[in-house]
Amino acid sequence: VLAALPAAAAAGCIRPDWRSVTPSAAAGAPVSPIVLGSGVSHSSDEPHLIIGTPANSANPYLRLFLHGTASRPAEVSCVLDAISEQGAFPTIGLSYLWLNRTDAERNEMCFSAHPGSPFEVAKCLFLAHSNALLGGESEPGVWQYVAAGESIVGRLVALLRHLDAGFPGEGWGAFLNGNGNPEWSRIIVGGHSQGAGHAAFIAQQKQTAAVGLISGPQDECIGCPTDTRLWLDGPWASSTVGAFASAKEDAIDVIQSNWARMAKAGVLASPIVDVGFAMSTPSASANPCLPRAPMVSWVAPLETATSLPRAAHRSTALDSSSPVAATSDLTGDALPLYSTYIWPSLFRTAEACPSAATLTFRFAFRTVNKTLRWAALLAPIAAATAAAAYLFVLRKFFPSIFDAKNSHKYPILSSVAVMLFGSIAALMQ
């Protein structure tokens, strides 16, 4: 069952040609609810959102986005629209069984479950992402059991098979390998909040085309010595990584600490750069061929969202909280501030990056070229200096040369002196 979204859902940046299907319909089986520690139940059957088709795209990569805790794909529609470059590239907002703890709660519970054992706390953080990705419940009581079929991989595989069976000419099966698992090398993975942590874990474990992290990861090894190694410390299977967060987030210190770990692992650059009013991508964060500097914004959330919990954290991705630009797009709607440069920049690949040999040649060429340019710049100065010295010697030891009455006596020296005067005058103009 694949359908266009109903008119009532057409909020945020959702477009009429987007399609949706629930996880239960894609899998052909019921799905489990998400039960919070308080006993409150959330549906995990919110629709996946599907944008574009592989058949109509010149770009060979699928963009996969994982929303945050207690959210759903429809609430991050403006991010989806931006990273699909307004529908040009195949993009999926995956509705997944997010772990029934916030990242902060999970961090605390991993510590509480293993007091005085930094290794076990770090392992608990690793297993949280592993269980969300593949299924399982390695830490009973810390998060709920995730069946393999309802894991991130399970739901993605079911959705791609569903799309490929229903629309065989669109090419969705190309994102599955011969074993029926995701072909990660053809997938750009990203996420917000809890979803950013899972996306980072996928990229650390699998060679993805790229990964874009928004307001994450938020893993914190509470009570651990500073030299405790986390899964973030690498090595990483993926190398093209982009990251973005609000500088006003309550967990910004944790996020930046994790970015520092990733920088040491060689997948991010440092220092962190301020995007200002987000009307361009900082050069240190724009080139996917090099480790990119993570970005932060000091822009306040949407005014109507400032009273919401974790407003700054929400503002980096959620439709209801993300700030808008003063200008509008061609439809007359408010333009999400981060949609033009920041969000798309996180989801660009390094497929066109030059080889090491090419980079070596370019470096040598630029070095020689720079040397020649300096030589060309300094040559006239050196010539003028030599000419001035020559004229000084002539004036000091042959002053009569400069007397017009004696020019016939020293025709060559007089001609040279006149020529040098003319050259120096020309250089000084």
Protein backbone atom coordinates (compact mmCIF):
# COMPACT_ATOMS: atom_id res chain seq x y z
CA VAL A 1 0.00 0.00 0.00
CA LEU A 2 1.78 3.09 -1.26
CA ALA A 3 -0.05 6.37 -1.43
CA ALA A 4 0.32 10.10 -1.64
CA LEU A 5 0.04 11.79 1.73
CA PRO A 6 -3.44 13.03 2.66
CA ALA A 7 -4.05 16.75 2.49
CA ALA A 8 -4.23 16.92 6.28
CA ALA A 9 -0.60 15.82 6.45
CA ALA A 10 0.61 18.38 3.96
CA ALA A 11 2.41 20.53 6.51
CA GLY A 12 6.00 21.64 6.77
CA CYS A 13 7.68 21.07 3.43
CA ILE A 14 5.77 17.99 2.27
CA ARG A 15 5.07 18.07 -1.47
CA PRO A 16 2.12 16.51 -3.34
CA ASP A 17 4.30 14.01 -5.23
CA TRP A 18 5.80 12.47 -2.10
CA ARG A 19 4.67 8.95 -1.28
CA SER A 20 4.19 7.13 2.00
CA VAL A 21 3.75 3.62 3.34
CA THR A 22 3.51 2.36 6.90
CA PRO A 23 6.10 -0.08 8.25
CA SER A 24 3.38 -2.69 8.83
CA ALA A 25 2.22 -2.43 5.21
CA ALA A 26 5.78 -2.63 3.88
CA ALA A 27 6.56 -5.67 6.05
CA GLY A 28 3.14 -7.30 5.67
CA ALA A 29 2.96 -7.82 9.44
CA PRO A 30 1.97 -5.92 12.59
CA VAL A 31 4.63 -3.83 14.32
CA SER A 32 5.38 -3.34 17.99
CA PRO A 33 4.50 -0.15 19.86
CA ILE A 34 7.20 1.85 21.64
CA VAL A 35 6.54 1.76 25.38
CA LEU A 36 8.30 4.42 27.43
CA GLY A 37 9.55 3.83 30.95
CA SER A 38 6.51 5.72 32.24
CA GLY A 39 4.24 3.22 30.51
CA VAL A 40 3.13 5.69 27.84
CA SER A 41 2.89 3.99 24.46
CA HIS A 42 3.86 5.46 21.08
CA SER A 43 2.99 4.00 17.69
CA SER A 44 5.97 2.83 15.67
CA ASP A 45 3.79 2.54 12.57
CA GLU A 46 4.06 6.16 11.45
CA PRO A 47 4.48 6.27 7.65
CA HIS A 48 7.83 6.15 5.93
CA LEU A 49 8.20 9.08 3.50
CA ILE A 50 9.54 8.39 -0.01
CA ILE A 51 10.78 11.19 -2.26
CA GLY A 52 11.73 10.78 -5.91
CA THR A 53 12.86 7.59 -7.63
CA PRO A 54 16.27 6.15 -8.52
CA ALA A 55 15.14 5.86 -12.15
CA ASN A 56 14.62 9.61 -12.50
CA SER A 57 17.83 10.66 -10.74
CA ALA A 58 21.25 11.35 -12.20
CA ASN A 59 22.66 10.83 -8.70
CA PRO A 60 23.26 7.14 -7.84
CA TYR A 61 22.84 7.46 -4.07
CA LEU A 62 19.89 6.96 -1.75
CA ARG A 63 19.54 9.47 1.07
CA LEU A 64 18.29 7.83 4.27
CA PHE A 65 17.25 9.99 7.23
CA LEU A 66 16.53 8.83 10.79
CA HIS A 67 14.41 11.14 12.95
CA GLY A 68 14.94 11.65 16.66
CA THR A 69 13.29 10.31 19.82
CA ALA A 70 9.48 10.56 19.89
CA SER A 71 9.43 12.08 16.41
CA ARG A 72 8.42 10.79 12.95
CA PRO A 73 9.43 11.41 9.32
CA ALA A 74 6.60 13.89 8.69
CA GLU A 75 8.01 16.17 11.42
CA VAL A 76 11.37 16.55 9.65
CA SER A 77 9.94 17.09 6.17
CA CYS A 78 11.95 20.26 5.51
CA VAL A 79 15.21 18.40 6.10
CA LEU A 80 14.01 15.64 3.75
CA ASP A 81 13.06 18.18 1.10
CA ALA A 82 16.44 19.90 1.36
CA ILE A 83 18.62 16.79 1.27
CA SER A 84 16.64 15.44 -1.68
CA GLU A 85 17.59 18.76 -3.34
CA GLN A 86 13.85 19.40 -3.70
CA GLY A 87 12.96 15.96 -5.04
CA ALA A 88 15.80 15.41 -7.50
CA PHE A 89 17.44 12.57 -5.54
CA PRO A 90 15.79 9.44 -4.08
CA THR A 91 15.28 10.01 -0.36
CA ILE A 92 13.65 8.02 2.43
CA GLY A 93 12.54 9.32 5.81
CA LEU A 94 12.54 6.00 7.67
CA SER A 95 9.98 5.35 10.39
CA TYR A 96 11.91 3.14 12.79
CA LEU A 97 11.54 1.65 16.25
CA TRP A 98 13.49 4.30 18.13
CA LEU A 99 14.81 3.20 21.51
CA ASN A 100 12.36 4.00 24.29
CA ARG A 101 14.88 6.16 26.14
CA THR A 102 16.19 9.58 25.27
CA ASP A 103 19.94 9.68 24.72
CA ALA A 104 20.43 11.38 28.10
CA GLU A 105 18.31 8.71 29.85
CA ARG A 106 20.21 5.93 28.10
CA ASN A 107 23.53 7.46 29.18
CA GLU A 108 22.36 7.59 32.80
CA MET A 109 20.95 4.04 32.73
CA CYS A 110 24.10 2.59 31.18
CA PHE A 111 26.03 4.19 34.06
CA SER A 112 23.53 2.96 36.66
CA ALA A 113 23.64 -0.58 35.25
CA HIS A 114 27.45 -0.71 35.42
CA PRO A 115 28.71 1.57 38.22
CA GLY A 116 32.48 1.60 38.52
CA SER A 117 33.01 -0.25 35.23
CA PRO A 118 33.88 2.21 32.43
CA PHE A 119 34.41 -0.60 29.93
CA GLU A 120 30.89 -1.96 30.52
CA VAL A 121 29.36 1.54 30.35
CA ALA A 122 31.08 2.12 26.99
CA LYS A 123 29.93 -1.32 25.83
CA CYS A 124 26.35 -0.48 26.85
CA LEU A 125 26.45 2.64 24.64
CA PHE A 126 27.75 0.53 21.75
CA LEU A 127 25.02 -2.09 22.19
CA ALA A 128 22.25 0.53 22.22
CA HIS A 129 23.08 1.47 18.64
CA SER A 130 23.78 -2.11 17.61
CA ASN A 131 20.38 -3.27 18.87
CA ALA A 132 18.57 -0.38 17.17
CA LEU A 133 20.39 -1.14 13.92
CA LEU A 134 20.18 -4.94 13.86
CA GLY A 135 17.77 -5.92 16.64
CA GLY A 136 18.12 -7.42 20.10
CA GLU A 137 18.10 -6.32 23.74
CA SER A 138 21.57 -6.67 25.13
CA GLU A 139 20.79 -4.54 28.19
CA PRO A 140 17.41 -5.70 29.62
CA GLY A 141 15.62 -2.88 31.40
CA VAL A 142 17.70 -0.14 29.79
CA TRP A 143 15.79 -0.18 26.49
CA GLN A 144 13.05 -2.36 25.07
CA TYR A 145 13.59 -5.41 22.90
CA VAL A 146 13.91 -4.71 19.17
CA ALA A 147 13.04 -7.60 16.86
CA ALA A 148 15.40 -8.02 13.89
CA GLY A 149 12.55 -7.34 11.47
CA GLU A 150 11.75 -4.08 13.25
CA SER A 151 15.33 -2.85 13.49
CA ILE A 152 16.58 -0.05 11.27
CA VAL A 153 18.05 -2.58 8.84
CA GLY A 154 14.94 -4.75 9.00
CA ARG A 155 12.56 -1.89 8.22
CA LEU A 156 14.80 -0.45 5.49
CA VAL A 157 15.12 -3.82 3.75
CA ALA A 158 11.36 -4.41 3.98
CA LEU A 159 10.64 -0.96 2.52
CA LEU A 160 13.13 -1.33 -0.36
CA ARG A 161 11.71 -4.76 -1.23
CA HIS A 162 8.19 -3.35 -1.07
CA LEU A 163 9.10 -0.48 -3.39
CA ASP A 164 10.99 -2.74 -5.78
CA ALA A 165 8.09 -5.19 -5.99
CA GLY A 166 5.48 -2.49 -6.46
CA PHE A 167 7.52 -0.35 -8.83
CA PRO A 168 10.05 -2.66 -10.54
CA GLY A 169 11.02 -0.02 -13.08
CA GLU A 170 12.14 2.50 -10.47
CA GLY A 171 15.30 0.69 -9.39
CA TRP A 172 14.89 0.55 -5.60
CA GLY A 173 16.42 -2.95 -5.52
CA ALA A 174 19.78 -1.45 -6.45
CA PHE A 175 20.16 -0.34 -2.83
CA LEU A 176 20.19 -3.99 -1.67
CA ASN A 177 23.20 -6.25 -2.12
CA GLY A 178 23.24 -9.87 -3.24
CA ASN A 179 22.50 -11.06 0.30
CA GLY A 180 19.43 -8.87 0.56
CA ASN A 181 21.05 -6.41 2.98
CA PRO A 182 21.45 -2.66 2.45
CA GLU A 183 24.18 -1.74 -0.03
CA TRP A 184 25.60 0.89 2.30
CA SER A 185 28.17 2.13 -0.21
CA ARG A 186 25.26 3.52 -2.24
CA ILE A 187 23.48 5.08 0.73
CA ILE A 188 24.03 8.48 2.36
CA VAL A 189 22.88 8.09 5.96
CA GLY A 190 21.86 10.88 8.29
CA GLY A 191 19.79 11.64 11.31
CA HIS A 192 18.77 14.03 14.07
CA SER A 193 19.30 13.55 17.81
CA GLN A 194 18.96 9.80 18.59
CA GLY A 195 18.84 9.26 14.83
CA ALA A 196 22.18 11.06 14.45
CA GLY A 197 23.76 8.64 16.92
CA HIS A 198 22.44 5.64 14.99
CA ALA A 199 23.54 7.18 11.66
CA ALA A 200 27.04 7.76 13.05
CA PHE A 201 27.16 4.16 14.29
CA ILE A 202 26.19 2.87 10.84
CA ALA A 203 28.93 4.99 9.25
CA GLN A 204 31.49 3.81 11.81
CA GLN A 205 30.61 0.16 11.14
CA LYS A 206 29.79 0.24 7.42
CA GLN A 207 31.30 2.00 4.41
CA THR A 208 28.53 4.43 3.54
CA ALA A 209 28.61 6.96 0.70
CA ALA A 210 28.50 9.73 3.33
CA VAL A 211 26.89 10.57 6.66
CA GLY A 212 25.19 13.76 7.88
CA LEU A 213 24.76 14.26 11.62
CA ILE A 214 22.39 16.83 13.10
CA SER A 215 22.54 17.48 16.86
CA GLY A 216 24.42 14.31 17.62
CA PRO A 217 25.83 11.91 18.57
CA GLN A 218 24.91 12.42 22.25
CA ASP A 219 26.67 9.39 23.74
CA GLU A 220 28.22 10.15 27.15
CA CYS A 221 30.24 7.69 29.20
CA ILE A 222 29.22 8.96 32.63
CA GLY A 223 31.74 8.35 35.39
CA CYS A 224 34.38 7.16 32.92
CA PRO A 225 38.02 8.33 32.83
CA THR A 226 38.74 10.72 29.96
CA ASP A 227 40.83 8.08 28.19
CA THR A 228 37.96 5.55 28.05
CA ARG A 229 37.52 4.49 24.44
CA LEU A 230 34.04 4.63 22.91
CA TRP A 231 32.89 3.25 19.57
CA LEU A 232 33.26 6.83 18.26
CA ASP A 233 37.03 6.64 18.65
CA GLY A 234 37.26 4.55 15.50
CA PRO A 235 38.51 3.32 13.21
CA TRP A 236 35.67 4.38 10.91
CA ALA A 237 34.54 2.48 7.82
CA SER A 238 33.17 5.71 6.30
CA SER A 239 35.26 8.80 5.67
CA THR A 240 32.86 11.47 4.39
CA VAL A 241 31.18 12.96 7.47
CA GLY A 242 29.34 16.23 8.06
CA ALA A 243 27.98 17.49 11.39
CA PHE A 244 25.80 20.38 12.56
CA ALA A 245 24.19 21.49 15.83
CA SER A 246 22.85 24.52 17.65
CA ALA A 247 25.40 26.21 19.89
CA LYS A 248 22.55 26.73 22.38
CA GLU A 249 21.67 23.04 22.82
CA ASP A 250 21.59 21.71 26.35
CA ALA A 251 23.78 18.78 25.28
CA ILE A 252 26.20 20.80 23.13
CA ASP A 253 29.16 19.96 25.39
CA VAL A 254 28.49 16.24 24.95
CA ILE A 255 28.02 16.63 21.19
CA GLN A 256 31.23 18.64 20.83
CA SER A 257 33.13 16.11 22.93
CA ASN A 258 32.02 13.40 20.51
CA TRP A 259 32.99 15.56 17.54
CA ALA A 260 36.45 15.89 19.11
CA ARG A 261 36.68 12.10 19.31
CA MET A 262 35.69 11.88 15.65
CA ALA A 263 38.31 14.48 14.74
CA LYS A 264 40.98 12.37 16.44
CA ALA A 265 39.68 9.39 14.44
CA GLY A 266 40.26 11.42 11.28
CA VAL A 267 36.67 11.78 10.03
CA LEU A 268 36.03 15.37 11.14
CA ALA A 269 38.23 18.45 11.10
CA SER A 270 38.69 21.04 13.81
CA PRO A 271 38.03 23.65 15.01
CA ILE A 272 34.24 23.89 14.93
CA VAL A 273 32.97 26.70 12.70
CA ASP A 274 30.13 29.16 13.28
CA VAL A 275 27.72 29.34 10.31
CA GLY A 276 26.61 32.87 11.21
CA PHE A 277 23.23 33.49 9.62
CA ALA A 278 23.56 30.21 7.66
CA MET A 279 23.40 31.93 4.28
CA SER A 280 26.43 29.98 3.02
CA THR A 281 28.41 26.87 3.87
CA PRO A 282 31.74 27.68 5.56
CA SER A 283 34.64 26.62 3.35
CA ALA A 284 36.05 24.43 6.13
CA SER A 285 32.81 22.41 6.09
CA ALA A 286 31.97 22.41 2.39
CA ASN A 287 34.53 20.10 0.75
CA PRO A 288 33.51 16.42 1.05
CA CYS A 289 36.95 15.40 -0.25
CA LEU A 290 38.55 16.42 3.05
CA PRO A 291 37.65 15.95 6.72
CA ARG A 292 35.01 18.63 7.22
CA ALA A 293 34.73 20.94 10.19
CA PRO A 294 31.50 20.49 12.18
CA MET A 295 29.18 23.50 12.16
CA VAL A 296 27.21 25.31 14.85
CA SER A 297 24.53 27.98 14.65
CA TRP A 298 23.62 30.62 17.23
CA VAL A 299 20.34 31.44 15.46
CA ALA A 300 17.35 31.18 17.79
CA PRO A 301 14.55 28.65 17.18
CA LEU A 302 11.35 29.68 15.46
CA GLU A 303 9.68 32.22 17.74
CA THR A 304 6.57 30.08 18.23
CA ALA A 305 8.75 27.17 19.42
CA THR A 306 10.91 28.88 22.04
CA SER A 307 8.75 27.60 24.91
CA LEU A 308 9.00 23.95 23.81
CA PRO A 309 11.31 21.55 25.68
CA ARG A 310 14.83 21.50 24.22
CA ALA A 311 13.85 24.21 21.73
CA ALA A 312 17.40 24.77 20.47
CA HIS A 313 17.90 21.03 19.99
CA ARG A 314 14.64 20.78 18.06
CA SER A 315 15.45 23.84 15.95
CA THR A 316 18.17 22.10 13.94
CA ALA A 317 15.75 19.69 12.22
CA LEU A 318 12.09 19.77 13.27
CA ASP A 319 9.63 21.62 11.04
CA SER A 320 7.88 23.14 14.05
CA SER A 321 11.03 24.68 15.51
CA SER A 322 13.53 25.34 12.72
CA PRO A 323 14.10 29.08 12.06
CA VAL A 324 12.99 30.56 8.75
CA ALA A 325 14.74 33.03 6.49
CA ALA A 326 13.42 36.56 6.03
CA THR A 327 13.00 35.81 2.33
CA SER A 328 10.56 33.33 0.82
CA ASP A 329 10.85 30.69 -1.86
CA LEU A 330 9.07 30.91 -5.22
CA THR A 331 5.82 29.55 -3.75
CA GLY A 332 5.58 32.42 -1.29
CA ASP A 333 6.12 30.11 1.68
CA ALA A 334 8.65 30.86 4.40
CA LEU A 335 12.02 29.32 3.56
CA PRO A 336 13.64 27.19 6.30
CA LEU A 337 16.92 28.90 7.13
CA TYR A 338 19.07 25.77 6.99
CA SER A 339 17.52 24.35 3.81
CA THR A 340 19.56 26.30 1.26
CA TYR A 341 23.10 25.51 2.37
CA ILE A 342 23.50 23.74 5.70
CA TRP A 343 21.31 20.62 5.44
CA PRO A 344 22.23 19.80 1.80
CA SER A 345 25.95 20.22 2.51
CA LEU A 346 25.79 17.41 5.09
CA PHE A 347 24.58 14.92 2.49
CA ARG A 348 27.10 15.37 -0.31
CA THR A 349 29.47 12.62 -1.33
CA ALA A 350 33.14 12.56 -2.22
CA GLU A 351 32.66 10.55 -5.42
CA ALA A 352 34.41 13.21 -7.53
CA CYS A 353 37.36 13.56 -5.17
CA PRO A 354 40.78 13.31 -6.83
CA SER A 355 43.15 10.41 -6.23
CA ALA A 356 46.25 10.72 -4.05
CA ALA A 357 48.44 10.90 -7.17
CA THR A 358 46.30 13.71 -8.56
CA LEU A 359 46.48 15.59 -5.27
CA THR A 360 50.29 15.19 -5.25
CA PHE A 361 50.52 16.52 -8.82
CA ARG A 362 48.23 19.44 -7.98
CA PHE A 363 50.32 20.31 -4.94
CA ALA A 364 53.55 20.23 -6.96
CA PHE A 365 51.97 22.28 -9.75
CA ARG A 366 50.63 24.87 -7.31
CA THR A 367 54.03 25.08 -5.58
CA VAL A 368 55.86 25.66 -8.88
CA ASN A 369 53.18 28.08 -10.05
CA LYS A 370 53.37 30.03 -6.80
CA THR A 371 57.17 30.18 -7.09
CA LEU A 372 56.95 31.49 -10.66
CA ARG A 373 54.35 34.06 -9.66
CA TRP A 374 56.60 35.32 -6.89
CA ALA A 375 59.52 35.39 -9.31
CA ALA A 376 57.45 37.39 -11.80
CA LEU A 377 56.47 39.77 -9.03
CA LEU A 378 59.98 40.19 -7.68
CA ALA A 379 61.80 40.42 -11.04
CA PRO A 380 60.79 44.06 -11.78
CA ILE A 381 61.65 45.02 -8.21
CA ALA A 382 65.07 43.39 -8.52
CA ALA A 383 65.62 45.07 -11.88
CA ALA A 384 64.64 48.46 -10.50
CA THR A 385 66.93 47.97 -7.50
CA ALA A 386 69.85 47.05 -9.77
CA ALA A 387 69.12 50.02 -12.02
CA ALA A 388 68.99 52.39 -9.08
CA ALA A 389 72.32 51.04 -7.81
CA TYR A 390 73.82 51.43 -11.27
CA LEU A 391 72.62 55.02 -11.53
CA PHE A 392 73.96 55.75 -8.08
CA VAL A 393 77.42 54.53 -9.13
CA LEU A 394 77.27 56.56 -12.33
CA ARG A 395 76.21 59.74 -10.54
CA LYS A 396 78.86 59.31 -7.85
CA PHE A 397 81.81 58.44 -10.06
CA PHE A 398 80.79 59.86 -13.47
CA PRO A 399 78.66 62.93 -12.63
CA SER A 400 79.50 64.57 -15.95
CA ILE A 401 77.45 61.88 -17.74
CA PHE A 402 74.28 63.53 -16.49
CA ASP A 403 75.29 66.87 -18.00
CA ALA A 404 73.63 67.20 -21.41
CA LYS A 405 76.67 69.08 -22.69
CA ASN A 406 78.81 65.93 -22.24
CA SER A 407 76.41 63.33 -23.64
CA HIS A 408 78.42 63.15 -26.87
CA LYS A 409 81.46 62.06 -24.84
CA TYR A 410 79.66 59.07 -23.24
CA PRO A 411 76.99 58.04 -25.76
CA ILE A 412 76.49 54.50 -24.46
CA LEU A 413 76.47 55.34 -20.74
CA SER A 414 74.18 58.31 -21.32
CA SER A 415 71.74 56.17 -23.30
CA VAL A 416 71.71 53.51 -20.60
CA ALA A 417 71.11 56.13 -17.91
CA VAL A 418 68.18 57.63 -19.82
CA MET A 419 66.72 54.16 -20.43
CA LEU A 420 67.01 53.22 -16.77
CA PHE A 421 65.36 56.47 -15.67
CA GLY A 422 62.51 55.72 -18.05
CA SER A 423 62.16 52.11 -16.82
CA ILE A 424 62.07 53.13 -13.17
CA ALA A 425 59.51 55.82 -13.90
CA ALA A 426 57.33 53.25 -15.72
CA LEU A 427 57.56 50.76 -12.83
CA MET A 428 56.53 53.41 -10.34
CA GLN A 429 53.39 54.40 -12.25
